[in-house]
Amino acid sequence: MHRFAELQAFVAVVETGGFTAAADRLDMAKSAVSRRVAALEDRLGVQLLRRTTRRINLTDTGRSFYEHSARILADLDEAESAVLQQHGELRGALRVALPLSFGVRHMVGPIAEFSRRHPRVAFELDLNDRRIDLLQEGVDLAVRIGRLADSTLIARKLFDARTVVAASHAYLDEHGTPSTPQELRDHRCLVYGNLAEPGRWAYADPDGSRHSVEVNVALTASSGDFIEDASRNGLGIVLQPTFIAGESIRRGDLVPILLDYQWPTTPAYAVYPPTRHLTYRVREFIDFLVEEFSGVPSWDEDCDAIAAAKR
């Protein structure tokens, strides 16, 4: 038991980048994690980690030992999962990172259904728009919307995230409705700041030719929900994912405009680190999400119906 606990502590320190984060992952005191790693080094008679005031680095021996240790722990987890799977039961923690707006709006239902099917699975959710290091933070999988910059991750596509240009009735009544994307230069536009070029909106003409327009930026925010609320309150025009704007469009709080043009579509993926084994519970949850989001998403069905009625 002591040797297993030492391996757990050592692997957690390496993957989280420090003793404090490892203690949080293992739900124990930082001093206990430190003692276990020190005991492991004493027992082996080698230094595995170089500790400085700012960071922790692996020695060459430590790097090799970490690879073996992580594999041993993964094998053990896989063996336990296989036995439970044979009896139709999944259990253990599922650490999932979700984009904030999408997670709050569209992941509660799927997680609730998966939990009903597998009540011994405990979810640990990180709802945040920042791009995290899955290995370093001990995350089993993440839902990411957009092009994948990290080619080391393994990805399964869930759906295409479409966007729509929309504004409130009050705004359009006061300022008029633009008839072409270029007229957005003369309107108040509300933009999502976590993009490479927040004020440049790309689009395609009805014939498929691609263009972009530098919009008149009246407000920038890092929250898609804030931007949607601001638009519903008449502050300006938004370019929003339909998974955010769809509900407001369905209720009539926002009006889709410039429907003859094609606005950006980005893929959404379930991504996970390229570990040697993918545990049964992670595999089952990914398969569940792929099935859950197959076909046309409900938020796009609503937007398509409203757009068809406007034409």
Protein backbone atom coordinates (compact mmCIF):
# COMPACT_ATOMS: atom_id res chain seq x y z
CA MET A 1 0.00 0.00 0.00
CA HIS A 2 2.83 2.41 0.85
CA ARG A 3 4.50 1.85 -2.51
CA PHE A 4 1.23 2.45 -4.36
CA ALA A 5 0.57 5.64 -2.38
CA GLU A 6 4.09 6.86 -3.15
CA LEU A 7 3.58 6.26 -6.88
CA GLN A 8 0.25 8.10 -6.78
CA ALA A 9 1.83 11.09 -5.06
CA PHE A 10 4.83 11.20 -7.40
CA VAL A 11 2.70 10.96 -10.58
CA ALA A 12 0.30 13.61 -9.29
CA VAL A 13 3.17 16.04 -8.57
CA VAL A 14 4.60 15.55 -12.05
CA GLU A 15 1.28 15.88 -13.87
CA THR A 16 0.01 18.89 -11.90
CA GLY A 17 3.38 20.64 -11.73
CA GLY A 18 3.60 21.04 -7.97
CA PHE A 19 2.89 19.69 -4.50
CA THR A 20 -0.02 22.02 -3.79
CA ALA A 21 -1.90 21.08 -6.96
CA ALA A 22 -1.10 17.40 -6.38
CA ALA A 23 -2.52 17.66 -2.87
CA ASP A 24 -5.71 19.16 -4.29
CA ARG A 25 -6.00 16.33 -6.82
CA LEU A 26 -5.45 13.64 -4.20
CA ASP A 27 -7.53 15.43 -1.56
CA MET A 28 -4.82 15.31 1.09
CA ALA A 29 -2.44 17.67 2.86
CA LYS A 30 0.49 19.07 0.92
CA SER A 31 2.84 17.82 3.66
CA ALA A 32 1.56 14.27 3.18
CA VAL A 33 2.28 14.42 -0.56
CA SER A 34 5.77 15.75 0.14
CA ARG A 35 6.46 12.97 2.66
CA ARG A 36 5.38 10.27 0.23
CA VAL A 37 7.58 11.58 -2.58
CA ALA A 38 10.52 11.94 -0.18
CA ALA A 39 9.96 8.38 1.07
CA LEU A 40 9.93 7.13 -2.53
CA GLU A 41 13.23 8.85 -3.30
CA ASP A 42 14.77 7.51 -0.07
CA ARG A 43 13.64 3.98 -0.81
CA LEU A 44 14.98 4.11 -4.38
CA GLY A 45 18.14 5.96 -3.37
CA VAL A 46 17.84 8.42 -6.29
CA GLN A 47 16.63 11.96 -6.85
CA LEU A 48 13.50 12.04 -9.01
CA LEU A 49 12.62 15.71 -8.77
CA ARG A 50 14.65 18.90 -8.71
CA ARG A 51 12.91 21.38 -6.44
CA THR A 52 13.44 25.12 -6.76
CA THR A 53 11.54 28.03 -5.28
CA ARG A 54 9.64 28.53 -8.55
CA ARG A 55 9.19 25.13 -10.19
CA ILE A 56 9.74 21.41 -10.07
CA ASN A 57 11.64 19.55 -12.79
CA LEU A 58 12.17 15.87 -13.40
CA THR A 59 15.67 14.44 -13.37
CA ASP A 60 16.53 12.07 -16.21
CA THR A 61 15.92 9.15 -13.87
CA GLY A 62 12.71 10.76 -12.68
CA ARG A 63 11.43 11.14 -16.23
CA SER A 64 11.96 7.45 -16.96
CA PHE A 65 10.45 6.45 -13.63
CA TYR A 66 7.42 8.67 -14.23
CA GLU A 67 6.67 6.97 -17.56
CA HIS A 68 6.73 3.55 -15.89
CA SER A 69 4.73 4.75 -12.88
CA ALA A 70 2.02 6.42 -14.95
CA ARG A 71 1.68 3.26 -17.02
CA ILE A 72 1.37 1.10 -13.88
CA LEU A 73 -1.36 3.31 -12.44
CA ALA A 74 -3.18 3.38 -15.79
CA ASP A 75 -2.98 -0.43 -16.01
CA LEU A 76 -4.43 -0.78 -12.53
CA ASP A 77 -7.25 1.63 -13.29
CA GLU A 78 -7.96 -0.19 -16.53
CA ALA A 79 -8.03 -3.58 -14.79
CA GLU A 80 -10.50 -2.36 -12.18
CA SER A 81 -12.65 -0.71 -14.85
CA ALA A 82 -12.68 -3.92 -16.93
CA VAL A 83 -13.97 -5.96 -13.99
CA LEU A 84 -16.67 -3.40 -13.21
CA GLN A 85 -17.62 -3.15 -16.89
CA GLN A 86 -18.20 -6.90 -17.00
CA HIS A 87 -20.79 -6.42 -14.27
CA GLY A 88 -22.37 -3.46 -16.07
CA GLU A 89 -21.04 -0.90 -13.63
CA LEU A 90 -18.81 2.13 -14.07
CA ARG A 91 -17.34 4.01 -11.15
CA GLY A 92 -14.66 6.53 -10.33
CA ALA A 93 -14.00 10.18 -11.06
CA LEU A 94 -14.47 11.79 -14.46
CA ARG A 95 -12.57 15.06 -14.72
CA VAL A 96 -14.05 17.09 -17.58
CA ALA A 97 -13.19 20.60 -18.83
CA LEU A 98 -16.01 22.48 -20.56
CA PRO A 99 -16.37 25.87 -22.27
CA LEU A 100 -18.32 28.03 -19.84
CA SER A 101 -21.33 29.11 -21.92
CA PHE A 102 -21.73 25.78 -23.70
CA GLY A 103 -21.30 23.80 -20.50
CA VAL A 104 -23.88 25.77 -18.54
CA ARG A 105 -26.42 25.76 -21.38
CA HIS A 106 -26.07 22.32 -22.92
CA MET A 107 -24.11 19.88 -20.75
CA VAL A 108 -26.31 19.65 -17.65
CA GLY A 109 -28.81 17.36 -19.39
CA PRO A 110 -26.25 14.94 -20.86
CA ILE A 111 -24.30 14.74 -17.59
CA ALA A 112 -27.50 14.14 -15.64
CA GLU A 113 -28.52 11.32 -18.00
CA PHE A 114 -25.07 9.71 -17.88
CA SER A 115 -25.15 9.94 -14.07
CA ARG A 116 -28.54 8.20 -13.98
CA ARG A 117 -27.11 5.35 -16.04
CA HIS A 118 -23.88 5.20 -14.04
CA PRO A 119 -24.58 6.53 -10.52
CA ARG A 120 -21.14 5.56 -9.18
CA VAL A 121 -19.33 7.90 -11.59
CA ALA A 122 -18.45 11.22 -9.91
CA PHE A 123 -18.01 14.22 -12.20
CA GLU A 124 -15.41 16.90 -11.51
CA LEU A 125 -16.12 19.79 -13.88
CA ASP A 126 -13.96 22.77 -14.83
CA LEU A 127 -16.14 25.31 -16.65
CA ASN A 128 -13.81 27.85 -18.16
CA ASP A 129 -13.00 29.27 -21.59
CA ARG A 130 -9.24 29.06 -21.02
CA ARG A 131 -7.27 26.33 -22.80
CA ILE A 132 -5.82 24.07 -20.12
CA ASP A 133 -3.08 21.47 -20.26
CA LEU A 134 -5.08 18.27 -19.80
CA LEU A 135 -2.14 16.21 -18.57
CA GLN A 136 -0.79 18.82 -16.20
CA GLU A 137 -4.17 19.47 -14.61
CA GLY A 138 -5.24 15.83 -14.49
CA VAL A 139 -8.25 16.26 -16.79
CA ASP A 140 -9.62 13.12 -18.46
CA LEU A 141 -11.24 14.91 -21.39
CA ALA A 142 -12.36 18.32 -22.56
CA VAL A 143 -14.98 19.67 -24.92
CA ARG A 144 -13.33 22.19 -27.22
CA ILE A 145 -15.01 24.35 -29.82
CA GLY A 146 -12.72 25.60 -32.58
CA ARG A 147 -9.73 24.45 -34.56
CA LEU A 148 -7.41 22.26 -32.52
CA ALA A 149 -4.01 23.85 -32.09
CA ASP A 150 -2.61 21.02 -29.94
CA SER A 151 -1.89 18.18 -32.37
CA THR A 152 -0.89 15.85 -29.51
CA LEU A 153 -4.49 15.47 -28.34
CA ILE A 154 -6.83 12.79 -29.65
CA ALA A 155 -10.18 14.18 -30.79
CA ARG A 156 -13.65 12.91 -31.67
CA LYS A 157 -15.99 15.31 -33.37
CA LEU A 158 -19.28 16.07 -31.64
CA PHE A 159 -20.98 18.68 -33.86
CA ASP A 160 -20.45 21.81 -35.96
CA ALA A 161 -20.90 25.07 -34.04
CA ARG A 162 -22.63 27.53 -36.35
CA THR A 163 -22.84 31.29 -35.84
CA VAL A 164 -25.54 33.82 -36.51
CA VAL A 165 -25.70 37.63 -36.69
CA ALA A 166 -28.53 39.00 -34.58
CA ALA A 167 -29.84 42.03 -32.73
CA SER A 168 -32.87 43.02 -30.64
CA HIS A 169 -36.07 44.44 -32.10
CA ALA A 170 -35.41 47.65 -30.17
CA TYR A 171 -31.97 48.12 -31.71
CA LEU A 172 -33.16 47.41 -35.25
CA ASP A 173 -36.18 49.69 -34.86
CA GLU A 174 -33.90 52.55 -33.76
CA HIS A 175 -30.89 52.01 -36.03
CA GLY A 176 -32.27 50.08 -38.98
CA THR A 177 -31.35 46.63 -40.30
CA PRO A 178 -28.12 46.23 -42.29
CA SER A 179 -28.67 44.64 -45.69
CA THR A 180 -25.03 43.65 -46.32
CA PRO A 181 -22.13 42.73 -44.01
CA GLN A 182 -20.25 45.86 -45.08
CA GLU A 183 -22.97 47.99 -43.47
CA LEU A 184 -21.91 46.60 -40.08
CA ARG A 185 -19.23 49.32 -40.15
CA ASP A 186 -22.04 51.81 -39.50
CA HIS A 187 -23.61 49.88 -36.60
CA ARG A 188 -22.72 49.21 -32.98
CA CYS A 189 -21.23 45.71 -32.81
CA LEU A 190 -20.61 43.66 -29.67
CA VAL A 191 -17.67 41.27 -29.99
CA TYR A 192 -16.30 38.25 -28.15
CA GLY A 193 -12.78 39.12 -27.03
CA ASN A 194 -11.23 35.63 -26.84
CA LEU A 195 -10.51 35.53 -30.56
CA ALA A 196 -7.43 36.34 -32.60
CA GLU A 197 -9.23 39.19 -34.42
CA PRO A 198 -12.37 40.00 -32.43
CA GLY A 199 -13.39 42.96 -34.60
CA ARG A 200 -13.01 41.21 -37.94
CA TRP A 201 -16.03 39.09 -38.92
CA ALA A 202 -15.55 36.56 -41.71
CA TYR A 203 -18.40 35.56 -44.00
CA ALA A 204 -19.21 34.09 -47.39
CA ASP A 205 -21.48 35.57 -50.07
CA PRO A 206 -24.43 33.55 -51.37
CA ASP A 207 -22.18 32.40 -54.22
CA GLY A 208 -19.62 31.07 -51.71
CA SER A 209 -16.91 33.69 -52.16
CA ARG A 210 -15.25 34.54 -48.84
CA HIS A 211 -14.75 37.99 -47.35
CA SER A 212 -14.37 39.73 -44.00
CA VAL A 213 -15.44 43.06 -42.57
CA GLU A 214 -13.92 45.28 -39.89
CA VAL A 215 -16.97 45.98 -37.76
CA ASN A 216 -17.59 49.03 -35.59
CA VAL A 217 -16.75 47.66 -32.13
CA ALA A 218 -18.89 49.24 -29.42
CA LEU A 219 -18.17 46.64 -26.71
CA THR A 220 -15.74 43.76 -26.19
CA ALA A 221 -16.19 41.07 -23.55
CA SER A 222 -14.69 37.68 -22.75
CA SER A 223 -18.11 36.19 -21.97
CA GLY A 224 -20.45 35.10 -24.73
CA ASP A 225 -23.37 35.21 -22.28
CA PHE A 226 -22.64 38.85 -21.40
CA ILE A 227 -22.56 39.81 -25.07
CA GLU A 228 -25.86 38.06 -25.71
CA ASP A 229 -27.48 39.81 -22.74
CA ALA A 230 -26.12 43.15 -23.94
CA SER A 231 -27.57 42.59 -27.40
CA ARG A 232 -30.95 41.57 -25.98
CA ASN A 233 -30.90 44.86 -24.08
CA GLY A 234 -30.47 46.83 -27.30
CA LEU A 235 -26.74 47.65 -27.08
CA GLY A 236 -25.86 46.41 -30.56
CA ILE A 237 -25.42 43.61 -33.08
CA VAL A 238 -23.72 40.31 -32.22
CA LEU A 239 -22.09 37.47 -34.11
CA GLN A 240 -22.86 34.55 -31.81
CA PRO A 241 -22.71 30.76 -31.81
CA THR A 242 -26.22 29.43 -32.24
CA PHE A 243 -25.78 27.34 -29.09
CA ILE A 244 -25.78 30.67 -27.19
CA ALA A 245 -28.15 32.81 -29.30
CA GLY A 246 -30.58 30.06 -30.29
CA GLU A 247 -32.77 30.30 -27.20
CA SER A 248 -33.09 34.09 -27.42
CA ILE A 249 -33.91 33.81 -31.13
CA ARG A 250 -36.56 31.18 -30.39
CA ARG A 251 -38.14 33.43 -27.73
CA GLY A 252 -38.05 36.43 -30.07
CA ASP A 253 -35.61 38.42 -27.90
CA LEU A 254 -33.08 38.46 -30.73
CA VAL A 255 -33.74 38.70 -34.46
CA PRO A 256 -31.40 36.89 -36.90
CA ILE A 257 -30.25 39.17 -39.74
CA LEU A 258 -28.09 38.93 -42.86
CA LEU A 259 -29.48 35.45 -43.46
CA ASP A 260 -28.36 35.29 -47.09
CA TYR A 261 -24.72 35.18 -45.97
CA GLN A 262 -22.77 32.27 -44.49
CA TRP A 263 -21.14 32.98 -41.14
CA PRO A 264 -18.32 30.95 -39.59
CA THR A 265 -18.81 27.35 -38.54
CA THR A 266 -16.29 25.69 -36.22
CA PRO A 267 -16.15 22.04 -35.16
CA ALA A 268 -16.67 20.93 -31.57
CA TYR A 269 -14.66 17.98 -30.25
CA ALA A 270 -14.25 15.77 -27.25
CA VAL A 271 -10.46 15.69 -26.76
CA TYR A 272 -8.27 13.61 -24.48
CA PRO A 273 -4.55 13.03 -23.93
CA PRO A 274 -2.79 10.29 -25.91
CA THR A 275 -2.34 7.95 -22.94
CA ARG A 276 -1.70 4.28 -23.57
CA HIS A 277 -5.06 3.30 -22.09
CA LEU A 278 -8.37 5.11 -22.22
CA THR A 279 -10.37 4.03 -19.18
CA TYR A 280 -13.78 2.50 -19.70
CA ARG A 281 -15.61 5.35 -18.01
CA VAL A 282 -13.89 7.95 -20.22
CA ARG A 283 -14.51 5.88 -23.34
CA GLU A 284 -18.15 5.34 -22.40
CA PHE A 285 -18.71 9.04 -21.74
CA ILE A 286 -17.13 10.06 -25.06
CA ASP A 287 -19.28 7.51 -26.92
CA PHE A 288 -22.30 8.85 -25.04
CA LEU A 289 -21.53 12.46 -26.06
CA VAL A 290 -21.02 11.49 -29.71
CA GLU A 291 -24.45 9.85 -29.71
CA GLU A 292 -26.05 12.68 -27.71
CA PHE A 293 -24.96 15.36 -30.20
CA SER A 294 -25.47 13.36 -33.39
CA GLY A 295 -27.66 14.91 -36.07
CA VAL A 296 -28.71 18.56 -36.18
CA PRO A 297 -28.45 20.14 -32.69
CA SER A 298 -31.75 21.34 -31.25
CA TRP A 299 -30.54 24.96 -31.12
CA ASP A 300 -29.84 24.88 -34.88
CA GLU A 301 -33.25 23.36 -35.63
CA ASP A 302 -34.90 26.35 -33.94
CA CYS A 303 -32.72 28.86 -35.78
CA ASP A 304 -33.29 27.15 -39.13
CA ALA A 305 -37.06 27.16 -38.67
CA ILE A 306 -37.11 30.87 -37.80
CA ALA A 307 -34.75 31.74 -40.67
CA ALA A 308 -36.95 29.85 -43.13
CA ALA A 309 -40.01 31.73 -41.92
CA LYS A 310 -38.24 35.09 -42.43
CA ARG A 311 -37.27 34.40 -46.03
